[in-house]
Amino acid sequence: MTLKFTPDHEWLNAADAQAAVVGITVHAQDALGDVVFVDLPEVGRSFAQGEVAGVVESVKAAADIFMPVSGEVVEVNEALRADPALANSDPLGAGWFFKVKLSDASQLAALLDPPAYDDLLKTL
């Protein structure tokens, strides 16, 4: 798995650069608590890296979902829209948010690898 993380607690699996998968991390869903609603981006919409691409709401708070890389949304997880709790029960699997076609693969280098993300979590 080609897993990368952002300091804002999104993950990206870029094993398929034509449709890299994006979601929130275990840490993010732990901090949010029970997810009750997810506002996913429109398929076909393009975002710049760092731009707000959606919102995840829990019983405790709402949090923006930031685009980890620039690109076009090519698919959203309709199952997550129907059952937002997937973000809690399987955040790195069935609880994925959307897929993005990268417009600049070099941006992946700026994201955190798993050990660097673990180090970040130790500082929180």
Protein backbone atom coordinates (compact mmCIF):
# COMPACT_ATOMS: atom_id res chain seq x y z
CA MET A 1 0.00 0.00 0.00
CA THR A 2 1.32 3.42 -0.94
CA LEU A 3 -0.08 5.19 2.11
CA LYS A 4 0.66 8.85 2.85
CA PHE A 5 -0.73 11.20 5.50
CA THR A 6 -1.30 14.92 5.97
CA PRO A 7 -0.70 16.89 9.18
CA ASP A 8 -4.48 17.53 9.08
CA HIS A 9 -5.14 13.77 9.51
CA GLU A 10 -6.21 12.76 6.02
CA TRP A 11 -4.71 9.69 4.41
CA LEU A 12 -4.10 9.01 0.74
CA ASN A 13 -3.41 5.68 -0.93
CA ALA A 14 -1.69 6.44 -4.22
CA ALA A 15 -1.24 2.85 -5.38
CA ASP A 16 -3.38 3.89 -8.38
CA ALA A 17 -2.38 7.43 -9.43
CA GLN A 18 -5.43 7.56 -11.72
CA ALA A 19 -7.67 7.21 -8.68
CA ALA A 20 -5.82 7.77 -5.40
CA VAL A 21 -8.08 7.01 -2.43
CA VAL A 22 -8.57 9.63 0.33
CA GLY A 23 -10.02 9.30 3.83
CA ILE A 24 -9.54 10.39 7.41
CA THR A 25 -7.12 8.70 9.79
CA VAL A 26 -7.83 6.58 12.84
CA HIS A 27 -6.64 9.53 14.95
CA ALA A 28 -9.10 11.89 13.23
CA GLN A 29 -12.10 9.63 13.72
CA ASP A 30 -11.06 8.99 17.36
CA ALA A 31 -10.92 12.75 17.97
CA LEU A 32 -14.26 13.36 16.26
CA GLY A 33 -16.18 10.55 17.91
CA ASP A 34 -19.25 9.04 16.25
CA VAL A 35 -19.47 10.34 12.67
CA VAL A 36 -23.09 11.18 11.77
CA PHE A 37 -22.78 13.02 8.43
CA VAL A 38 -20.27 13.38 5.62
CA ASP A 39 -20.41 16.10 2.95
CA LEU A 40 -18.49 14.66 0.01
CA PRO A 41 -17.20 16.66 -2.99
CA GLU A 42 -18.84 16.54 -6.41
CA VAL A 43 -17.42 14.07 -8.92
CA GLY A 44 -15.67 16.01 -11.68
CA ARG A 45 -14.70 18.93 -9.45
CA SER A 46 -11.03 19.85 -9.21
CA PHE A 47 -9.32 21.05 -6.06
CA ALA A 48 -5.94 22.55 -5.23
CA GLN A 49 -3.80 20.87 -2.59
CA GLY A 50 -4.93 22.04 0.85
CA GLU A 51 -8.34 23.24 -0.35
CA VAL A 52 -11.41 22.18 1.63
CA ALA A 53 -13.01 19.30 -0.28
CA GLY A 54 -15.71 18.27 2.18
CA VAL A 55 -16.88 18.17 5.77
CA VAL A 56 -17.22 15.38 8.29
CA GLU A 57 -19.63 15.90 11.20
CA SER A 58 -19.78 13.96 14.43
CA VAL A 59 -21.80 14.16 17.59
CA LYS A 60 -18.98 16.34 19.02
CA ALA A 61 -17.80 18.56 16.16
CA ALA A 62 -17.53 19.26 12.46
CA ALA A 63 -14.20 19.17 10.66
CA ASP A 64 -13.09 20.14 7.19
CA ILE A 65 -11.64 17.51 4.88
CA PHE A 66 -8.62 19.00 3.11
CA MET A 67 -7.48 17.82 -0.32
CA PRO A 68 -4.09 16.15 0.24
CA VAL A 69 -3.02 16.71 -3.38
CA SER A 70 -4.25 18.75 -6.31
CA GLY A 71 -6.55 16.88 -8.62
CA GLU A 72 -10.01 15.99 -9.86
CA VAL A 73 -12.49 13.96 -7.83
CA VAL A 74 -13.32 10.89 -9.92
CA GLU A 75 -15.46 8.94 -7.43
CA VAL A 76 -17.08 9.38 -4.02
CA ASN A 77 -17.95 6.67 -1.50
CA GLU A 78 -21.75 6.49 -1.72
CA ALA A 79 -21.74 3.78 0.97
CA LEU A 80 -20.21 6.33 3.36
CA ARG A 81 -22.89 8.85 2.51
CA ALA A 82 -25.52 6.20 3.38
CA ASP A 83 -23.65 4.97 6.49
CA PRO A 84 -21.30 7.67 7.88
CA ALA A 85 -20.32 5.34 10.75
CA LEU A 86 -18.04 3.52 8.28
CA ALA A 87 -15.59 6.38 8.91
CA ASN A 88 -15.38 5.12 12.51
CA SER A 89 -15.58 1.37 12.01
CA ASP A 90 -13.15 1.11 9.09
CA PRO A 91 -11.45 4.50 8.46
CA LEU A 92 -8.60 3.06 6.36
CA GLY A 93 -10.85 0.69 4.39
CA ALA A 94 -14.60 0.82 3.72
CA GLY A 95 -14.76 4.31 5.29
CA TRP A 96 -12.80 6.00 2.48
CA PHE A 97 -14.19 9.37 1.33
CA PHE A 98 -13.31 9.93 -2.33
CA LYS A 99 -10.90 9.11 -5.13
CA VAL A 100 -8.84 11.77 -6.87
CA LYS A 101 -6.95 11.82 -10.16
CA LEU A 102 -3.66 13.51 -9.32
CA SER A 103 -2.76 16.57 -11.36
CA ASP A 104 0.76 16.77 -9.88
CA ALA A 105 2.19 13.50 -8.55
CA SER A 106 5.25 15.34 -7.21
CA GLN A 107 3.02 16.65 -4.39
CA LEU A 108 3.06 13.15 -2.89
CA ALA A 109 6.64 13.75 -1.76
CA ALA A 110 5.48 16.46 0.66
CA LEU A 111 3.06 14.12 2.44
CA LEU A 112 4.04 12.12 5.51
CA ASP A 113 4.94 8.44 5.34
CA PRO A 114 3.57 6.18 8.13
CA PRO A 115 6.61 6.55 10.48
CA ALA A 116 6.61 10.37 10.08
CA TYR A 117 2.86 10.47 10.77
CA ASP A 118 3.35 8.31 13.87
CA ASP A 119 6.01 10.77 15.04
CA LEU A 120 3.56 13.65 14.49
CA LEU A 121 0.92 11.89 16.59
CA LYS A 122 3.38 11.59 19.48
CA THR A 123 3.59 15.40 19.61
CA LEU A 124 -0.19 15.91 19.95
